[in-house]
Amino acid sequence: MFFVRRPSPLAIDRFLAESQDLPLSYEPIGILERTSVGGRIDELSASIGRGEADFARARSALIAWEHFKLGWVEVHPASAGIGVGTVVAVLIRHLGFWSLNGCRVVYHVEGAFAAPRFGFAYGALTNHAEAGEELFELSMAPTGDVTYRIRAVSWPQAALARLGQPVVRRLQARFRADSVRAMQRALSRNP
């Protein structure tokens, strides 16, 4: 849903309420793990810390949606959990207008053996400009390096997203880079 000015809190709440029962815009859940997908896969990984303490702080930051606190992208409600089934509205300011995009948390990743990992994926709902799934994942290598990875598959769903695909692609790349920097800031604020 597109707006010429920032939507009011009431409009965001209404959008969230209308999003609760919408279906995902794609199938199957877990499409990122398939060897063949209908869209393109984008990925960015970066080292954001080192050691168990940094991994724990990064985990807390991911749970608190710190990776979406970018100034031009926000998650609503700000206090949303990451439980499977949680619906959020992603508010984006771009090119002089705003958009609201519905997403639902669809699964978690977790492991604690040789390479601890933690994360979650959300899927785009049918009221999202793009269709697809996005994974936000932390891992800790045996060397102690903590890595944050974003992996996404998407394709345009709204007419405006289809028409502006080169711009959409640049915004998606900007989101990935800014999200990494947000996670790095979150760790540096909480030593």
C-alpha atoms as a PDB file:
ATOM      1  CA  MET A   1       0.000   0.000   0.000  1.00  0.00           C
ATOM      2  CA  PHE A   2       1.499   3.334  -1.100  1.00  0.00           C
ATOM      3  CA  PHE A   3       1.084   6.782   0.529  1.00  0.00           C
ATOM      4  CA  VAL A   4       2.123  10.292  -0.471  1.00  0.00           C
ATOM      5  CA  ARG A   5       2.892  11.107   3.186  1.00  0.00           C
ATOM      6  CA  ARG A   6       3.755   9.080   6.244  1.00  0.00           C
ATOM      7  CA  PRO A   7       0.685   7.052   7.294  1.00  0.00           C
ATOM      8  CA  SER A   8      -0.777   7.905  10.690  1.00  0.00           C
ATOM      9  CA  PRO A   9      -0.498   5.472  13.614  1.00  0.00           C
ATOM     10  CA  LEU A  10      -4.210   4.755  13.111  1.00  0.00           C
ATOM     11  CA  ALA A  11      -3.643   3.890   9.418  1.00  0.00           C
ATOM     12  CA  ILE A  12      -0.744   1.604  10.371  1.00  0.00           C
ATOM     13  CA  ASP A  13      -2.884  -0.115  13.024  1.00  0.00           C
ATOM     14  CA  ARG A  14      -5.694  -0.587  10.494  1.00  0.00           C
ATOM     15  CA  PHE A  15      -3.222  -2.030   7.964  1.00  0.00           C
ATOM     16  CA  LEU A  16      -1.921  -4.465  10.614  1.00  0.00           C
ATOM     17  CA  ALA A  17      -5.450  -5.547  11.545  1.00  0.00           C
ATOM     18  CA  GLU A  18      -6.318  -6.149   7.883  1.00  0.00           C
ATOM     19  CA  SER A  19      -3.081  -8.113   7.406  1.00  0.00           C
ATOM     20  CA  GLN A  20      -3.626 -10.677  10.175  1.00  0.00           C
ATOM     21  CA  ASP A  21      -5.513 -13.241   8.091  1.00  0.00           C
ATOM     22  CA  LEU A  22      -3.986 -12.583   4.672  1.00  0.00           C
ATOM     23  CA  PRO A  23      -2.178 -15.452   2.971  1.00  0.00           C
ATOM     24  CA  LEU A  24       1.473 -15.460   2.037  1.00  0.00           C
ATOM     25  CA  SER A  25       2.251 -14.215  -1.456  1.00  0.00           C
ATOM     26  CA  TYR A  26       4.286 -17.317  -2.332  1.00  0.00           C
ATOM     27  CA  GLU A  27       4.730 -20.965  -1.527  1.00  0.00           C
ATOM     28  CA  PRO A  28       6.130 -23.110  -0.110  1.00  0.00           C
ATOM     29  CA  ILE A  29       7.328 -21.761   3.236  1.00  0.00           C
ATOM     30  CA  GLY A  30      11.070 -22.340   3.297  1.00  0.00           C
ATOM     31  CA  ILE A  31      11.475 -21.463  -0.377  1.00  0.00           C
ATOM     32  CA  LEU A  32      14.975 -20.128   0.401  1.00  0.00           C
ATOM     33  CA  GLU A  33      16.156 -23.658   1.176  1.00  0.00           C
ATOM     34  CA  ARG A  34      15.055 -25.033  -2.199  1.00  0.00           C
ATOM     35  CA  THR A  35      17.607 -25.557  -4.941  1.00  0.00           C
ATOM     36  CA  SER A  36      15.330 -24.017  -7.556  1.00  0.00           C
ATOM     37  CA  VAL A  37      13.202 -20.967  -6.800  1.00  0.00           C
ATOM     38  CA  GLY A  38      10.975 -18.786  -8.962  1.00  0.00           C
ATOM     39  CA  GLY A  39      12.755 -15.520  -8.140  1.00  0.00           C
ATOM     40  CA  ARG A  40      16.288 -14.404  -7.632  1.00  0.00           C
ATOM     41  CA  ILE A  41      18.155 -15.026  -4.393  1.00  0.00           C
ATOM     42  CA  ASP A  42      19.971 -12.074  -2.857  1.00  0.00           C
ATOM     43  CA  GLU A  43      22.375 -12.508   0.015  1.00  0.00           C
ATOM     44  CA  LEU A  44      24.716 -10.431   2.141  1.00  0.00           C
ATOM     45  CA  SER A  45      26.853 -11.700   5.018  1.00  0.00           C
ATOM     46  CA  ALA A  46      29.159  -9.689   7.241  1.00  0.00           C
ATOM     47  CA  SER A  47      31.161 -10.207  10.394  1.00  0.00           C
ATOM     48  CA  ILE A  48      29.612  -8.141  13.191  1.00  0.00           C
ATOM     49  CA  GLY A  49      31.459  -9.365  16.283  1.00  0.00           C
ATOM     50  CA  ARG A  50      33.464 -12.038  17.982  1.00  0.00           C
ATOM     51  CA  GLY A  51      32.771 -14.504  20.763  1.00  0.00           C
ATOM     52  CA  GLU A  52      29.843 -15.786  22.767  1.00  0.00           C
ATOM     53  CA  ALA A  53      29.034 -12.414  24.367  1.00  0.00           C
ATOM     54  CA  ASP A  54      28.733 -10.733  20.949  1.00  0.00           C
ATOM     55  CA  PHE A  55      26.626 -13.628  19.672  1.00  0.00           C
ATOM     56  CA  ALA A  56      24.268 -13.225  22.645  1.00  0.00           C
ATOM     57  CA  ARG A  57      24.028  -9.436  22.118  1.00  0.00           C
ATOM     58  CA  ALA A  58      23.417  -9.931  18.388  1.00  0.00           C
ATOM     59  CA  ARG A  59      20.686 -12.465  19.176  1.00  0.00           C
ATOM     60  CA  SER A  60      18.984  -9.955  21.486  1.00  0.00           C
ATOM     61  CA  ALA A  61      19.292  -7.238  18.819  1.00  0.00           C
ATOM     62  CA  LEU A  62      17.723  -9.493  16.191  1.00  0.00           C
ATOM     63  CA  ILE A  63      14.830 -10.367  18.517  1.00  0.00           C
ATOM     64  CA  ALA A  64      14.285  -6.613  19.088  1.00  0.00           C
ATOM     65  CA  TRP A  65      14.225  -5.915  15.307  1.00  0.00           C
ATOM     66  CA  GLU A  66      17.320  -3.684  15.609  1.00  0.00           C
ATOM     67  CA  HIS A  67      18.191  -4.669  12.039  1.00  0.00           C
ATOM     68  CA  PHE A  68      15.131  -2.663  10.882  1.00  0.00           C
ATOM     69  CA  LYS A  69      15.923   0.547  12.790  1.00  0.00           C
ATOM     70  CA  LEU A  70      17.293   2.341   9.758  1.00  0.00           C
ATOM     71  CA  GLY A  71      15.523   5.696   9.669  1.00  0.00           C
ATOM     72  CA  TRP A  72      13.951   4.982   6.296  1.00  0.00           C
ATOM     73  CA  VAL A  73      12.625   1.493   7.206  1.00  0.00           C
ATOM     74  CA  GLU A  74      10.643   0.593  10.339  1.00  0.00           C
ATOM     75  CA  VAL A  75       8.773  -2.413  11.690  1.00  0.00           C
ATOM     76  CA  HIS A  76       5.330  -1.962  13.276  1.00  0.00           C
ATOM     77  CA  PRO A  77       4.484  -2.638  15.940  1.00  0.00           C
ATOM     78  CA  ALA A  78       7.932  -1.648  17.225  1.00  0.00           C
ATOM     79  CA  SER A  79       7.549  -4.161  20.064  1.00  0.00           C
ATOM     80  CA  ALA A  80       6.651  -7.082  17.779  1.00  0.00           C
ATOM     81  CA  GLY A  81       7.926 -10.481  18.793  1.00  0.00           C
ATOM     82  CA  ILE A  82       9.427 -12.975  16.383  1.00  0.00           C
ATOM     83  CA  GLY A  83       7.165 -15.914  17.158  1.00  0.00           C
ATOM     84  CA  VAL A  84       6.020 -17.925  14.156  1.00  0.00           C
ATOM     85  CA  GLY A  85       2.767 -16.392  12.949  1.00  0.00           C
ATOM     86  CA  THR A  86       3.597 -12.848  14.111  1.00  0.00           C
ATOM     87  CA  VAL A  87       2.428 -10.279  11.540  1.00  0.00           C
ATOM     88  CA  VAL A  88       4.305  -7.010  11.098  1.00  0.00           C
ATOM     89  CA  ALA A  89       3.976  -3.997   8.839  1.00  0.00           C
ATOM     90  CA  VAL A  90       7.201  -2.816   7.256  1.00  0.00           C
ATOM     91  CA  LEU A  91       7.030   0.935   6.668  1.00  0.00           C
ATOM     92  CA  ILE A  92       9.423   2.241   4.022  1.00  0.00           C
ATOM     93  CA  ARG A  93      10.157   5.824   2.976  1.00  0.00           C
ATOM     94  CA  HIS A  94      11.463   5.932  -0.578  1.00  0.00           C
ATOM     95  CA  LEU A  95      11.602   8.392  -3.466  1.00  0.00           C
ATOM     96  CA  GLY A  96       9.354  10.913  -1.747  1.00  0.00           C
ATOM     97  CA  PHE A  97       6.556   8.520  -0.784  1.00  0.00           C
ATOM     98  CA  TRP A  98       5.838   5.786   1.757  1.00  0.00           C
ATOM     99  CA  SER A  99       4.750   2.174   1.550  1.00  0.00           C
ATOM    100  CA  LEU A 100       3.378  -0.341   4.037  1.00  0.00           C
ATOM    101  CA  ASN A 101       4.124  -3.998   3.413  1.00  0.00           C
ATOM    102  CA  GLY A 102       2.678  -6.920   5.365  1.00  0.00           C
ATOM    103  CA  CYS A 103       4.901  -9.810   6.497  1.00  0.00           C
ATOM    104  CA  ARG A 104       4.483 -12.885   8.700  1.00  0.00           C
ATOM    105  CA  VAL A 105       7.225 -14.691  10.625  1.00  0.00           C
ATOM    106  CA  VAL A 106       7.237 -18.179   9.093  1.00  0.00           C
ATOM    107  CA  TYR A 107      10.082 -20.102  10.763  1.00  0.00           C
ATOM    108  CA  HIS A 108      13.140 -19.958  13.035  1.00  0.00           C
ATOM    109  CA  VAL A 109      16.640 -21.350  12.640  1.00  0.00           C
ATOM    110  CA  GLU A 110      18.624 -22.369  15.667  1.00  0.00           C
ATOM    111  CA  GLY A 111      21.595 -24.545  16.432  1.00  0.00           C
ATOM    112  CA  ALA A 112      24.062 -24.861  19.295  1.00  0.00           C
ATOM    113  CA  PHE A 113      26.617 -27.422  18.239  1.00  0.00           C
ATOM    114  CA  ALA A 114      29.864 -26.762  16.356  1.00  0.00           C
ATOM    115  CA  ALA A 115      28.464 -23.602  14.754  1.00  0.00           C
ATOM    116  CA  PRO A 116      25.813 -21.867  16.861  1.00  0.00           C
ATOM    117  CA  ARG A 117      23.149 -20.138  14.777  1.00  0.00           C
ATOM    118  CA  PHE A 118      19.971 -18.229  15.365  1.00  0.00           C
ATOM    119  CA  GLY A 119      17.501 -16.387  13.203  1.00  0.00           C
ATOM    120  CA  PHE A 120      14.085 -16.166  11.666  1.00  0.00           C
ATOM    121  CA  ALA A 121      12.448 -15.734   8.302  1.00  0.00           C
ATOM    122  CA  TYR A 122       9.393 -13.812   7.339  1.00  0.00           C
ATOM    123  CA  GLY A 123       7.235 -14.140   4.280  1.00  0.00           C
ATOM    124  CA  ALA A 124       5.559 -11.387   2.311  1.00  0.00           C
ATOM    125  CA  LEU A 125       1.777 -11.275   2.552  1.00  0.00           C
ATOM    126  CA  THR A 126      -0.465 -10.535  -0.414  1.00  0.00           C
ATOM    127  CA  ASN A 127      -0.533  -6.828   0.552  1.00  0.00           C
ATOM    128  CA  HIS A 128       3.248  -6.520   0.126  1.00  0.00           C
ATOM    129  CA  ALA A 129       4.694  -4.847  -2.996  1.00  0.00           C
ATOM    130  CA  GLU A 130       6.994  -7.857  -3.502  1.00  0.00           C
ATOM    131  CA  ALA A 131       6.341 -11.564  -3.125  1.00  0.00           C
ATOM    132  CA  GLY A 132       8.877 -13.783  -1.383  1.00  0.00           C
ATOM    133  CA  GLU A 133      10.722 -14.702   1.791  1.00  0.00           C
ATOM    134  CA  GLU A 134      13.590 -13.159   3.764  1.00  0.00           C
ATOM    135  CA  LEU A 135      15.882 -14.794   6.325  1.00  0.00           C
ATOM    136  CA  PHE A 136      17.808 -12.925   9.040  1.00  0.00           C
ATOM    137  CA  GLU A 137      20.427 -15.223  10.546  1.00  0.00           C
ATOM    138  CA  LEU A 138      23.335 -15.114  12.976  1.00  0.00           C
ATOM    139  CA  SER A 139      26.066 -17.713  13.190  1.00  0.00           C
ATOM    140  CA  MET A 140      29.272 -18.133  15.148  1.00  0.00           C
ATOM    141  CA  ALA A 141      32.188 -19.866  13.473  1.00  0.00           C
ATOM    142  CA  PRO A 142      34.550 -22.149  15.410  1.00  0.00           C
ATOM    143  CA  THR A 143      37.021 -19.208  15.287  1.00  0.00           C
ATOM    144  CA  GLY A 144      34.502 -17.132  17.281  1.00  0.00           C
ATOM    145  CA  ASP A 145      33.565 -14.773  14.442  1.00  0.00           C
ATOM    146  CA  VAL A 146      29.895 -13.753  14.613  1.00  0.00           C
ATOM    147  CA  THR A 147      28.275 -13.328  11.204  1.00  0.00           C
ATOM    148  CA  TYR A 148      24.975 -11.702  10.288  1.00  0.00           C
ATOM    149  CA  ARG A 149      23.398 -12.916   7.055  1.00  0.00           C
ATOM    150  CA  ILE A 150      20.386 -11.737   5.110  1.00  0.00           C
ATOM    151  CA  ARG A 151      19.118 -14.088   2.417  1.00  0.00           C
ATOM    152  CA  ALA A 152      16.031 -13.279   0.352  1.00  0.00           C
ATOM    153  CA  VAL A 153      14.099 -14.408  -2.661  1.00  0.00           C
ATOM    154  CA  SER A 154      11.614 -11.998  -4.198  1.00  0.00           C
ATOM    155  CA  TRP A 155       9.769 -10.947  -7.299  1.00  0.00           C
ATOM    156  CA  PRO A 156       7.442  -7.999  -7.943  1.00  0.00           C
ATOM    157  CA  GLN A 157       3.815  -8.341  -6.938  1.00  0.00           C
ATOM    158  CA  ALA A 158       2.426  -4.775  -7.168  1.00  0.00           C
ATOM    159  CA  ALA A 159       2.265  -3.003 -10.529  1.00  0.00           C
ATOM    160  CA  LEU A 160       4.397  -0.132  -9.216  1.00  0.00           C
ATOM    161  CA  ALA A 161       7.056  -2.618  -8.045  1.00  0.00           C
ATOM    162  CA  ARG A 162       7.095  -4.228 -11.505  1.00  0.00           C
ATOM    163  CA  LEU A 163       7.455  -0.860 -13.234  1.00  0.00           C
ATOM    164  CA  GLY A 164      10.154   0.338 -10.876  1.00  0.00           C
ATOM    165  CA  GLN A 165      12.127  -2.897 -10.640  1.00  0.00           C
ATOM    166  CA  PRO A 166      15.585  -1.274 -11.090  1.00  0.00           C
ATOM    167  CA  VAL A 167      14.783   1.126  -8.228  1.00  0.00           C
ATOM    168  CA  VAL A 168      13.339  -1.696  -6.110  1.00  0.00           C
ATOM    169  CA  ARG A 169      16.552  -3.700  -6.603  1.00  0.00           C
ATOM    170  CA  ARG A 170      18.677  -0.741  -5.448  1.00  0.00           C
ATOM    171  CA  LEU A 171      16.454  -0.252  -2.389  1.00  0.00           C
ATOM    172  CA  GLN A 172      16.732  -3.953  -1.525  1.00  0.00           C
ATOM    173  CA  ALA A 173      20.545  -3.779  -1.767  1.00  0.00           C
ATOM    174  CA  ARG A 174      20.544  -0.606   0.351  1.00  0.00           C
ATOM    175  CA  PHE A 175      18.357  -2.341   2.961  1.00  0.00           C
ATOM    176  CA  ARG A 176      20.763  -5.270   3.230  1.00  0.00           C
ATOM    177  CA  ALA A 177      23.806  -2.997   3.666  1.00  0.00           C
ATOM    178  CA  ASP A 178      22.034  -0.664   6.123  1.00  0.00           C
ATOM    179  CA  SER A 179      20.714  -3.650   8.092  1.00  0.00           C
ATOM    180  CA  VAL A 180      24.264  -4.962   8.554  1.00  0.00           C
ATOM    181  CA  ARG A 181      25.372  -1.532   9.791  1.00  0.00           C
ATOM    182  CA  ALA A 182      22.391  -1.422  12.182  1.00  0.00           C
ATOM    183  CA  MET A 183      23.444  -4.750  13.694  1.00  0.00           C
ATOM    184  CA  GLN A 184      27.045  -3.534  14.008  1.00  0.00           C
ATOM    185  CA  ARG A 185      25.790  -0.378  15.791  1.00  0.00           C
ATOM    186  CA  ALA A 186      23.601  -2.490  18.092  1.00  0.00           C
ATOM    187  CA  LEU A 187      26.639  -4.482  19.203  1.00  0.00           C
ATOM    188  CA  SER A 188      28.835  -1.412  19.659  1.00  0.00           C
ATOM    189  CA  ARG A 189      26.156   0.267  21.869  1.00  0.00           C
ATOM    190  CA  ASN A 190      25.970  -2.748  24.186  1.00  0.00           C
ATOM    191  CA  PRO A 191      29.545  -3.827  24.983  1.00  0.00           C
END
